[in-house]
C-alpha atoms as a PDB file:
ATOM      1  CA  MET A   1       0.000   0.000   0.000  1.00  0.00           C
ATOM      2  CA  HIS A   2       1.464   3.312  -1.124  1.00  0.00           C
ATOM      3  CA  ILE A   3       0.606   6.939  -0.437  1.00  0.00           C
ATOM      4  CA  SER A   4      -0.472   7.236  -4.069  1.00  0.00           C
ATOM      5  CA  ASP A   5      -3.114   4.565  -3.458  1.00  0.00           C
ATOM      6  CA  PHE A   6      -4.304   6.461  -0.393  1.00  0.00           C
ATOM      7  CA  LEU A   7      -4.639   9.708  -2.344  1.00  0.00           C
ATOM      8  CA  SER A   8      -6.204   8.138  -5.429  1.00  0.00           C
ATOM      9  CA  TYR A   9      -9.659   8.235  -3.837  1.00  0.00           C
ATOM     10  CA  PRO A  10     -11.355  11.664  -3.869  1.00  0.00           C
ATOM     11  CA  PHE A  11     -13.190  10.978  -0.591  1.00  0.00           C
ATOM     12  CA  MET A  12      -9.872  10.234   1.133  1.00  0.00           C
ATOM     13  CA  VAL A  13      -8.409  13.501  -0.152  1.00  0.00           C
ATOM     14  CA  ASN A  14     -11.454  15.386   1.174  1.00  0.00           C
ATOM     15  CA  ALA A  15     -11.147  13.583   4.511  1.00  0.00           C
ATOM     16  CA  LEU A  16      -7.429  14.359   4.751  1.00  0.00           C
ATOM     17  CA  ILE A  17      -7.860  18.073   4.008  1.00  0.00           C
ATOM     18  CA  VAL A  18     -10.880  18.552   6.280  1.00  0.00           C
ATOM     19  CA  GLY A  19      -9.363  16.431   9.023  1.00  0.00           C
ATOM     20  CA  LEU A  20      -6.030  18.248   9.080  1.00  0.00           C
ATOM     21  CA  LEU A  21      -7.698  21.652   9.186  1.00  0.00           C
ATOM     22  CA  VAL A  22     -10.181  20.582  11.860  1.00  0.00           C
ATOM     23  CA  SER A  23      -7.258  19.102  13.825  1.00  0.00           C
ATOM     24  CA  VAL A  24      -5.531  22.488  13.734  1.00  0.00           C
ATOM     25  CA  CYS A  25      -8.630  24.180  15.153  1.00  0.00           C
ATOM     26  CA  CYS A  26      -9.165  21.494  17.794  1.00  0.00           C
ATOM     27  CA  ALA A  27      -5.548  21.607  18.972  1.00  0.00           C
ATOM     28  CA  LEU A  28      -5.414  25.401  19.293  1.00  0.00           C
ATOM     29  CA  LEU A  29      -8.807  25.745  20.949  1.00  0.00           C
ATOM     30  CA  GLY A  30      -8.257  22.640  23.063  1.00  0.00           C
ATOM     31  CA  VAL A  31      -5.215  24.017  24.901  1.00  0.00           C
ATOM     32  CA  SER A  32      -7.206  26.883  26.383  1.00  0.00           C
ATOM     33  CA  LEU A  33     -10.258  24.699  27.068  1.00  0.00           C
ATOM     34  CA  VAL A  34      -8.248  21.982  28.816  1.00  0.00           C
ATOM     35  CA  LEU A  35      -6.294  24.446  30.964  1.00  0.00           C
ATOM     36  CA  ARG A  36      -9.564  26.093  32.036  1.00  0.00           C
ATOM     37  CA  ARG A  37     -11.070  22.682  32.883  1.00  0.00           C
ATOM     38  CA  PHE A  38     -13.745  23.152  30.249  1.00  0.00           C
ATOM     39  CA  SER A  39     -12.480  20.462  27.895  1.00  0.00           C
ATOM     40  CA  MET A  40     -15.703  18.448  27.789  1.00  0.00           C
ATOM     41  CA  ILE A  41     -17.462  21.274  25.977  1.00  0.00           C
ATOM     42  CA  GLY A  42     -16.562  19.506  22.728  1.00  0.00           C
ATOM     43  CA  ASP A  43     -18.352  16.356  23.835  1.00  0.00           C
ATOM     44  CA  GLY A  44     -21.371  18.337  24.995  1.00  0.00           C
ATOM     45  CA  LEU A  45     -21.630  20.382  21.821  1.00  0.00           C
ATOM     46  CA  SER A  46     -21.264  17.284  19.645  1.00  0.00           C
ATOM     47  CA  HIS A  47     -24.302  15.768  21.363  1.00  0.00           C
ATOM     48  CA  VAL A  48     -26.200  18.991  20.797  1.00  0.00           C
ATOM     49  CA  GLY A  49     -25.095  18.844  17.168  1.00  0.00           C
ATOM     50  CA  PHE A  50     -26.358  15.282  16.858  1.00  0.00           C
ATOM     51  CA  GLY A  51     -29.738  16.299  18.230  1.00  0.00           C
ATOM     52  CA  ALA A  52     -29.963  19.233  15.811  1.00  0.00           C
ATOM     53  CA  LEU A  53     -28.875  17.118  12.832  1.00  0.00           C
ATOM     54  CA  ALA A  54     -31.360  14.406  13.729  1.00  0.00           C
ATOM     55  CA  ILE A  55     -34.251  16.856  13.926  1.00  0.00           C
ATOM     56  CA  ALA A  56     -33.176  18.507  10.654  1.00  0.00           C
ATOM     57  CA  THR A  57     -33.037  15.116   8.928  1.00  0.00           C
ATOM     58  CA  VAL A  58     -36.510  14.192  10.139  1.00  0.00           C
ATOM     59  CA  ALA A  59     -37.881  17.579   9.079  1.00  0.00           C
ATOM     60  CA  GLY A  60     -36.210  17.357   5.673  1.00  0.00           C
ATOM     61  CA  VAL A  61     -34.157  20.509   6.231  1.00  0.00           C
ATOM     62  CA  ALA A  62     -30.508  21.026   5.255  1.00  0.00           C
ATOM     63  CA  PRO A  63     -28.653  19.658   8.328  1.00  0.00           C
ATOM     64  CA  LEU A  64     -25.951  22.313   8.682  1.00  0.00           C
ATOM     65  CA  THR A  65     -28.438  25.199   8.461  1.00  0.00           C
ATOM     66  CA  VAL A  66     -30.002  23.874  11.666  1.00  0.00           C
ATOM     67  CA  ALA A  67     -26.956  22.457  13.440  1.00  0.00           C
ATOM     68  CA  VAL A  68     -24.669  25.494  13.167  1.00  0.00           C
ATOM     69  CA  PRO A  69     -26.953  28.090  14.847  1.00  0.00           C
ATOM     70  CA  VAL A  70     -28.198  25.591  17.446  1.00  0.00           C
ATOM     71  CA  VAL A  71     -24.691  24.490  18.479  1.00  0.00           C
ATOM     72  CA  VAL A  72     -23.345  28.054  18.521  1.00  0.00           C
ATOM     73  CA  LEU A  73     -26.292  29.149  20.690  1.00  0.00           C
ATOM     74  CA  SER A  74     -25.689  26.190  23.023  1.00  0.00           C
ATOM     75  CA  ALA A  75     -22.017  27.192  23.348  1.00  0.00           C
ATOM     76  CA  PHE A  76     -23.058  30.696  24.410  1.00  0.00           C
ATOM     77  CA  ILE A  77     -25.562  29.267  26.917  1.00  0.00           C
ATOM     78  CA  LEU A  78     -22.905  26.983  28.416  1.00  0.00           C
ATOM     79  CA  LEU A  79     -20.549  29.916  28.685  1.00  0.00           C
ATOM     80  CA  ARG A  80     -23.109  32.109  30.465  1.00  0.00           C
ATOM     81  CA  ILE A  81     -24.125  29.348  32.862  1.00  0.00           C
ATOM     82  CA  SER A  82     -20.484  28.703  33.729  1.00  0.00           C
ATOM     83  CA  GLU A  83     -19.742  32.404  34.275  1.00  0.00           C
ATOM     84  CA  ARG A  84     -22.690  32.917  36.609  1.00  0.00           C
ATOM     85  CA  GLY A  85     -21.620  29.934  38.671  1.00  0.00           C
ATOM     86  CA  ARG A  86     -25.081  28.665  39.592  1.00  0.00           C
ATOM     87  CA  ILE A  87     -24.343  25.406  37.819  1.00  0.00           C
ATOM     88  CA  GLY A  88     -20.822  24.054  37.372  1.00  0.00           C
ATOM     89  CA  GLY A  89     -19.417  23.913  33.857  1.00  0.00           C
ATOM     90  CA  ASP A  90     -19.310  20.105  33.792  1.00  0.00           C
ATOM     91  CA  ALA A  91     -22.858  19.823  35.145  1.00  0.00           C
ATOM     92  CA  ALA A  92     -24.145  22.344  32.597  1.00  0.00           C
ATOM     93  CA  ILE A  93     -22.499  20.391  29.769  1.00  0.00           C
ATOM     94  CA  ALA A  94     -24.015  17.122  30.979  1.00  0.00           C
ATOM     95  CA  LEU A  95     -27.441  18.718  31.354  1.00  0.00           C
ATOM     96  CA  ILE A  96     -27.577  20.231  27.877  1.00  0.00           C
ATOM     97  CA  SER A  97     -25.784  17.443  26.005  1.00  0.00           C
ATOM     98  CA  THR A  98     -27.842  14.539  27.347  1.00  0.00           C
ATOM     99  CA  SER A  99     -31.073  16.457  26.808  1.00  0.00           C
ATOM    100  CA  ALA A 100     -30.175  17.270  23.192  1.00  0.00           C
ATOM    101  CA  LEU A 101     -29.083  13.699  22.504  1.00  0.00           C
ATOM    102  CA  ALA A 102     -32.317  12.298  23.931  1.00  0.00           C
ATOM    103  CA  ILE A 103     -34.459  14.745  21.943  1.00  0.00           C
ATOM    104  CA  GLY A 104     -32.651  13.796  18.726  1.00  0.00           C
ATOM    105  CA  VAL A 105     -33.055  10.063  19.295  1.00  0.00           C
ATOM    106  CA  MET A 106     -36.729  10.505  20.193  1.00  0.00           C
ATOM    107  CA  ALA A 107     -37.403  12.589  17.085  1.00  0.00           C
ATOM    108  CA  VAL A 108     -35.847   9.987  14.794  1.00  0.00           C
ATOM    109  CA  SER A 109     -37.410   6.964  16.495  1.00  0.00           C
ATOM    110  CA  MET A 110     -40.887   8.505  16.344  1.00  0.00           C
ATOM    111  CA  ASN A 111     -40.457   9.140  12.631  1.00  0.00           C
ATOM    112  CA  SER A 112     -38.804   6.140  11.008  1.00  0.00           C
ATOM    113  CA  GLY A 113     -36.109   4.750  13.272  1.00  0.00           C
ATOM    114  CA  ILE A 114     -32.370   5.322  13.114  1.00  0.00           C
ATOM    115  CA  ASN A 115     -31.300   5.550   9.473  1.00  0.00           C
ATOM    116  CA  THR A 116     -27.897   5.582   7.791  1.00  0.00           C
ATOM    117  CA  ASP A 117     -27.501   9.363   7.852  1.00  0.00           C
ATOM    118  CA  ILE A 118     -28.144   9.556  11.589  1.00  0.00           C
ATOM    119  CA  SER A 119     -25.736   6.688  12.244  1.00  0.00           C
ATOM    120  CA  ASN A 120     -23.079   8.550  10.268  1.00  0.00           C
ATOM    121  CA  TYR A 121     -23.542  11.607  12.470  1.00  0.00           C
ATOM    122  CA  MET A 122     -23.232   9.445  15.580  1.00  0.00           C
ATOM    123  CA  PHE A 123     -20.180   7.428  14.517  1.00  0.00           C
ATOM    124  CA  GLY A 124     -18.783   9.528  11.666  1.00  0.00           C
ATOM    125  CA  SER A 125     -18.143   8.721   8.020  1.00  0.00           C
ATOM    126  CA  ILE A 126     -15.382   9.969   5.732  1.00  0.00           C
ATOM    127  CA  LEU A 127     -17.745   9.322   2.829  1.00  0.00           C
ATOM    128  CA  ALA A 128     -20.029  12.078   4.161  1.00  0.00           C
ATOM    129  CA  LEU A 129     -17.465  14.808   3.484  1.00  0.00           C
ATOM    130  CA  SER A 130     -17.968  16.945   0.396  1.00  0.00           C
ATOM    131  CA  ARG A 131     -16.167  19.756  -1.401  1.00  0.00           C
ATOM    132  CA  SER A 132     -18.248  22.281   0.543  1.00  0.00           C
ATOM    133  CA  ASP A 133     -16.896  20.792   3.784  1.00  0.00           C
ATOM    134  CA  VAL A 134     -13.373  21.356   2.460  1.00  0.00           C
ATOM    135  CA  ILE A 135     -14.147  25.009   1.752  1.00  0.00           C
ATOM    136  CA  LEU A 136     -15.736  25.514   5.176  1.00  0.00           C
ATOM    137  CA  SER A 137     -12.772  23.879   6.926  1.00  0.00           C
ATOM    138  CA  VAL A 138     -10.297  26.127   5.082  1.00  0.00           C
ATOM    139  CA  VAL A 139     -12.203  29.266   6.064  1.00  0.00           C
ATOM    140  CA  LEU A 140     -12.571  28.168   9.687  1.00  0.00           C
ATOM    141  CA  ALA A 141      -8.923  27.137  10.042  1.00  0.00           C
ATOM    142  CA  VAL A 142      -7.693  30.464   8.632  1.00  0.00           C
ATOM    143  CA  ILE A 143      -9.925  32.410  11.032  1.00  0.00           C
ATOM    144  CA  VAL A 144      -8.834  30.377  14.082  1.00  0.00           C
ATOM    145  CA  LEU A 145      -5.149  30.685  13.144  1.00  0.00           C
ATOM    146  CA  LEU A 146      -5.436  34.456  12.730  1.00  0.00           C
ATOM    147  CA  PHE A 147      -7.317  34.656  16.027  1.00  0.00           C
ATOM    148  CA  PHE A 148      -4.449  32.951  17.855  1.00  0.00           C
ATOM    149  CA  LEU A 149      -1.669  34.768  16.026  1.00  0.00           C
ATOM    150  CA  PHE A 150      -3.026  38.263  16.601  1.00  0.00           C
ATOM    151  CA  PHE A 151      -4.470  37.770  20.107  1.00  0.00           C
ATOM    152  CA  TYR A 152      -2.067  35.195  21.551  1.00  0.00           C
ATOM    153  CA  HIS A 153      -1.071  37.244  24.607  1.00  0.00           C
ATOM    154  CA  ARG A 154      -4.678  38.115  25.451  1.00  0.00           C
ATOM    155  CA  ILE A 155      -5.753  34.483  25.105  1.00  0.00           C
ATOM    156  CA  PHE A 156      -2.858  33.518  27.388  1.00  0.00           C
ATOM    157  CA  ALA A 157      -3.953  36.084  29.998  1.00  0.00           C
ATOM    158  CA  VAL A 158      -7.609  35.020  29.922  1.00  0.00           C
ATOM    159  CA  THR A 159      -6.672  31.334  30.094  1.00  0.00           C
ATOM    160  CA  PHE A 160      -4.534  31.590  33.235  1.00  0.00           C
ATOM    161  CA  ASP A 161      -6.085  34.471  35.180  1.00  0.00           C
ATOM    162  CA  GLU A 162      -9.323  35.855  33.787  1.00  0.00           C
ATOM    163  CA  THR A 163      -9.880  38.177  36.757  1.00  0.00           C
ATOM    164  CA  PHE A 164      -6.472  39.800  36.356  1.00  0.00           C
ATOM    165  CA  ALA A 165      -6.948  40.005  32.586  1.00  0.00           C
ATOM    166  CA  ARG A 166     -10.222  41.897  33.079  1.00  0.00           C
ATOM    167  CA  ALA A 167      -8.530  44.229  35.561  1.00  0.00           C
ATOM    168  CA  THR A 168      -5.863  45.101  32.991  1.00  0.00           C
ATOM    169  CA  GLY A 169      -8.471  46.010  30.383  1.00  0.00           C
ATOM    170  CA  VAL A 170      -8.624  42.774  28.410  1.00  0.00           C
ATOM    171  CA  LYS A 171     -12.124  42.084  27.105  1.00  0.00           C
ATOM    172  CA  ALA A 172     -12.257  38.566  28.503  1.00  0.00           C
ATOM    173  CA  GLY A 173     -15.945  38.169  27.675  1.00  0.00           C
ATOM    174  CA  LEU A 174     -15.258  38.789  23.993  1.00  0.00           C
ATOM    175  CA  TYR A 175     -12.461  36.220  23.851  1.00  0.00           C
ATOM    176  CA  ASN A 176     -14.571  33.683  25.715  1.00  0.00           C
ATOM    177  CA  THR A 177     -17.412  34.244  23.272  1.00  0.00           C
ATOM    178  CA  LEU A 178     -15.161  33.894  20.225  1.00  0.00           C
ATOM    179  CA  THR A 179     -13.579  30.731  21.647  1.00  0.00           C
ATOM    180  CA  ALA A 180     -17.017  29.237  22.286  1.00  0.00           C
ATOM    181  CA  MET A 181     -18.201  30.127  18.778  1.00  0.00           C
ATOM    182  CA  PHE A 182     -15.098  28.721  17.059  1.00  0.00           C
ATOM    183  CA  THR A 183     -15.334  25.547  19.149  1.00  0.00           C
ATOM    184  CA  ALA A 184     -18.982  25.096  18.182  1.00  0.00           C
ATOM    185  CA  LEU A 185     -18.225  25.504  14.473  1.00  0.00           C
ATOM    186  CA  THR A 186     -15.264  23.130  14.701  1.00  0.00           C
ATOM    187  CA  VAL A 187     -17.373  20.490  16.430  1.00  0.00           C
ATOM    188  CA  VAL A 188     -20.181  20.683  13.851  1.00  0.00           C
ATOM    189  CA  LEU A 189     -17.732  20.365  10.976  1.00  0.00           C
ATOM    190  CA  GLY A 190     -15.586  17.691  12.603  1.00  0.00           C
ATOM    191  CA  MET A 191     -18.397  15.434  13.796  1.00  0.00           C
ATOM    192  CA  ARG A 192     -19.361  14.643  10.208  1.00  0.00           C
ATOM    193  CA  MET A 193     -16.091  12.723   9.986  1.00  0.00           C
ATOM    194  CA  MET A 194     -15.377  11.730  13.605  1.00  0.00           C
ATOM    195  CA  GLY A 195     -18.953  11.323  14.812  1.00  0.00           C
ATOM    196  CA  ALA A 196     -20.656  12.847  17.830  1.00  0.00           C
ATOM    197  CA  LEU A 197     -19.128  10.216  20.110  1.00  0.00           C
ATOM    198  CA  LEU A 198     -15.479  10.830  19.198  1.00  0.00           C
ATOM    199  CA  ILE A 199     -15.012  14.449  18.081  1.00  0.00           C
ATOM    200  CA  SER A 200     -14.182  15.638  21.598  1.00  0.00           C
ATOM    201  CA  ALA A 201     -11.075  13.423  21.517  1.00  0.00           C
ATOM    202  CA  LEU A 202      -9.505  15.792  18.972  1.00  0.00           C
ATOM    203  CA  ILE A 203      -9.928  18.633  21.467  1.00  0.00           C
ATOM    204  CA  ILE A 204      -8.793  16.773  24.590  1.00  0.00           C
ATOM    205  CA  PHE A 205      -5.988  14.382  23.598  1.00  0.00           C
ATOM    206  CA  PRO A 206      -3.391  16.656  21.904  1.00  0.00           C
ATOM    207  CA  PRO A 207      -3.209  19.270  24.724  1.00  0.00           C
ATOM    208  CA  LEU A 208      -3.178  16.624  27.457  1.00  0.00           C
ATOM    209  CA  THR A 209      -0.483  14.670  25.625  1.00  0.00           C
ATOM    210  CA  ALA A 210       1.662  17.769  25.098  1.00  0.00           C
ATOM    211  CA  MET A 211       1.368  18.642  28.792  1.00  0.00           C
ATOM    212  CA  ARG A 212       3.083  15.369  29.720  1.00  0.00           C
ATOM    213  CA  ILE A 213       6.448  16.811  28.647  1.00  0.00           C
ATOM    214  CA  CYS A 214       5.955  20.526  27.891  1.00  0.00           C
ATOM    215  CA  ARG A 215       5.837  23.172  30.614  1.00  0.00           C
ATOM    216  CA  THR A 216       4.999  26.504  28.966  1.00  0.00           C
ATOM    217  CA  PHE A 217       1.846  27.668  27.231  1.00  0.00           C
ATOM    218  CA  ARG A 218       3.710  28.302  23.973  1.00  0.00           C
ATOM    219  CA  THR A 219       5.434  24.902  23.831  1.00  0.00           C
ATOM    220  CA  VAL A 220       2.223  23.102  24.809  1.00  0.00           C
ATOM    221  CA  THR A 221       0.367  24.903  22.009  1.00  0.00           C
ATOM    222  CA  VAL A 222       2.983  24.108  19.363  1.00  0.00           C
ATOM    223  CA  CYS A 223       3.415  20.506  20.492  1.00  0.00           C
ATOM    224  CA  SER A 224      -0.368  20.025  20.656  1.00  0.00           C
ATOM    225  CA  LEU A 225      -0.703  21.306  17.101  1.00  0.00           C
ATOM    226  CA  LEU A 226       2.000  18.997  15.745  1.00  0.00           C
ATOM    227  CA  LEU A 227       0.632  16.007  17.641  1.00  0.00           C
ATOM    228  CA  SER A 228      -2.871  16.656  16.377  1.00  0.00           C
ATOM    229  CA  LEU A 229      -1.746  16.804  12.751  1.00  0.00           C
ATOM    230  CA  PHE A 230       0.472  13.720  12.968  1.00  0.00           C
ATOM    231  CA  SER A 231      -2.029  11.640  14.952  1.00  0.00           C
ATOM    232  CA  PHE A 232      -4.828  12.420  12.523  1.00  0.00           C
ATOM    233  CA  THR A 233      -2.743  11.576   9.451  1.00  0.00           C
ATOM    234  CA  ALA A 234      -1.409   8.342  10.962  1.00  0.00           C
ATOM    235  CA  GLY A 235      -4.837   7.309  12.256  1.00  0.00           C
ATOM    236  CA  LEU A 236      -6.552   7.981   8.934  1.00  0.00           C
ATOM    237  CA  PHE A 237      -3.897   6.073   6.976  1.00  0.00           C
ATOM    238  CA  LEU A 238      -4.030   3.077   9.347  1.00  0.00           C
ATOM    239  CA  SER A 239      -7.825   3.052   9.133  1.00  0.00           C
ATOM    240  CA  PHE A 240      -7.622   3.033   5.354  1.00  0.00           C
ATOM    241  CA  LEU A 241      -4.964   0.317   5.427  1.00  0.00           C
ATOM    242  CA  TYR A 242      -6.842  -2.043   7.757  1.00  0.00           C
ATOM    243  CA  GLY A 243     -10.421  -1.099   6.872  1.00  0.00           C
ATOM    244  CA  THR A 244     -11.356   0.175  10.320  1.00  0.00           C
ATOM    245  CA  PRO A 245     -13.557   3.217  11.113  1.00  0.00           C
ATOM    246  CA  ALA A 246     -11.568   6.434  10.639  1.00  0.00           C
ATOM    247  CA  GLY A 247     -12.730   8.110  13.852  1.00  0.00           C
ATOM    248  CA  ALA A 248     -11.815   5.133  16.001  1.00  0.00           C
ATOM    249  CA  GLY A 249      -8.420   4.747  14.330  1.00  0.00           C
ATOM    250  CA  ILE A 250      -7.559   8.393  14.924  1.00  0.00           C
ATOM    251  CA  VAL A 251      -8.556   8.269  18.596  1.00  0.00           C
ATOM    252  CA  VAL A 252      -6.583   5.048  19.175  1.00  0.00           C
ATOM    253  CA  THR A 253      -3.538   6.741  17.626  1.00  0.00           C
ATOM    254  CA  ASP A 254      -4.052   9.695  19.973  1.00  0.00           C
ATOM    255  CA  LEU A 255      -4.227   7.263  22.890  1.00  0.00           C
ATOM    256  CA  VAL A 256      -0.943   5.601  21.897  1.00  0.00           C
ATOM    257  CA  PHE A 257       0.816   8.980  21.768  1.00  0.00           C
ATOM    258  CA  PHE A 258      -0.673   9.947  25.141  1.00  0.00           C
ATOM    259  CA  LEU A 259       0.694   6.771  26.735  1.00  0.00           C
ATOM    260  CA  LEU A 260       4.123   7.228  25.132  1.00  0.00           C
ATOM    261  CA  PHE A 261       4.360  10.868  26.212  1.00  0.00           C
ATOM    262  CA  SER A 262       3.183   9.935  29.719  1.00  0.00           C
ATOM    263  CA  ILE A 263       5.980   7.380  29.993  1.00  0.00           C
ATOM    264  CA  ALA A 264       8.504   9.875  28.618  1.00  0.00           C
ATOM    265  CA  GLY A 265       7.302  12.507  31.073  1.00  0.00           C
ATOM    266  CA  ALA A 266       7.601  10.128  34.006  1.00  0.00           C
ATOM    267  CA  ILE A 267      11.156   9.167  32.982  1.00  0.00           C
ATOM    268  CA  ARG A 268      12.081  12.811  32.562  1.00  0.00           C
ATOM    269  CA  ARG A 269      10.852  13.731  36.056  1.00  0.00           C
ATOM    270  CA  LYS A 270      12.921  10.939  37.598  1.00  0.00           C
END
């Protein structure tokens, strides 16, 4: 099996482009989310996305036209709930995500049962990716990269000490809102390939793995980005080679790197 064989299929090329760009977004956004102990927002929003996609499918409406605004709105709601402190961030995520997932399953089961499209949204399918997904992923990745390049120091300040950042004049609310919006868009786009059950792994694994050996925000961010790109490429290729689901192969590759980096980190500390 050669690389040329891998790239000879148009759907694999689409999956590779979309996946790499989504991995960039997940890695950059994931560092801040993990450090702020809000990493499960990806899992919560993916469940909301599944519910929205399921309802759109049943209603015969274009899925993304429903999923994008619903998931973005849910991200804002989660952010507001977390800021007010009446409900913890993890509890708010669990509350909204399980409710959305249940509503989606109920809507489909009352109509015609779980069909192929809904199963693809739950478990992911590289065949579901189209040229429009490639265009959307390019636009989103460029925006997220520019966001981090131009506002890196402000993102750093908000991530580690939001109260101090506000006191120094940083508009923490704006950066939180933009982060939530970009995360929501990344989740909606990525879950078409990874599935609602696995997309959060792209947000959680690379930062956590990088933190096993890196000690500064900058090195964690760079290492997370490189790990995300390499893990996705290796996982997708292995899935193609052995005929396994792409999402599962990518997550297993992430897990292997996490274990290796954990061992390396433990040896380094000794």
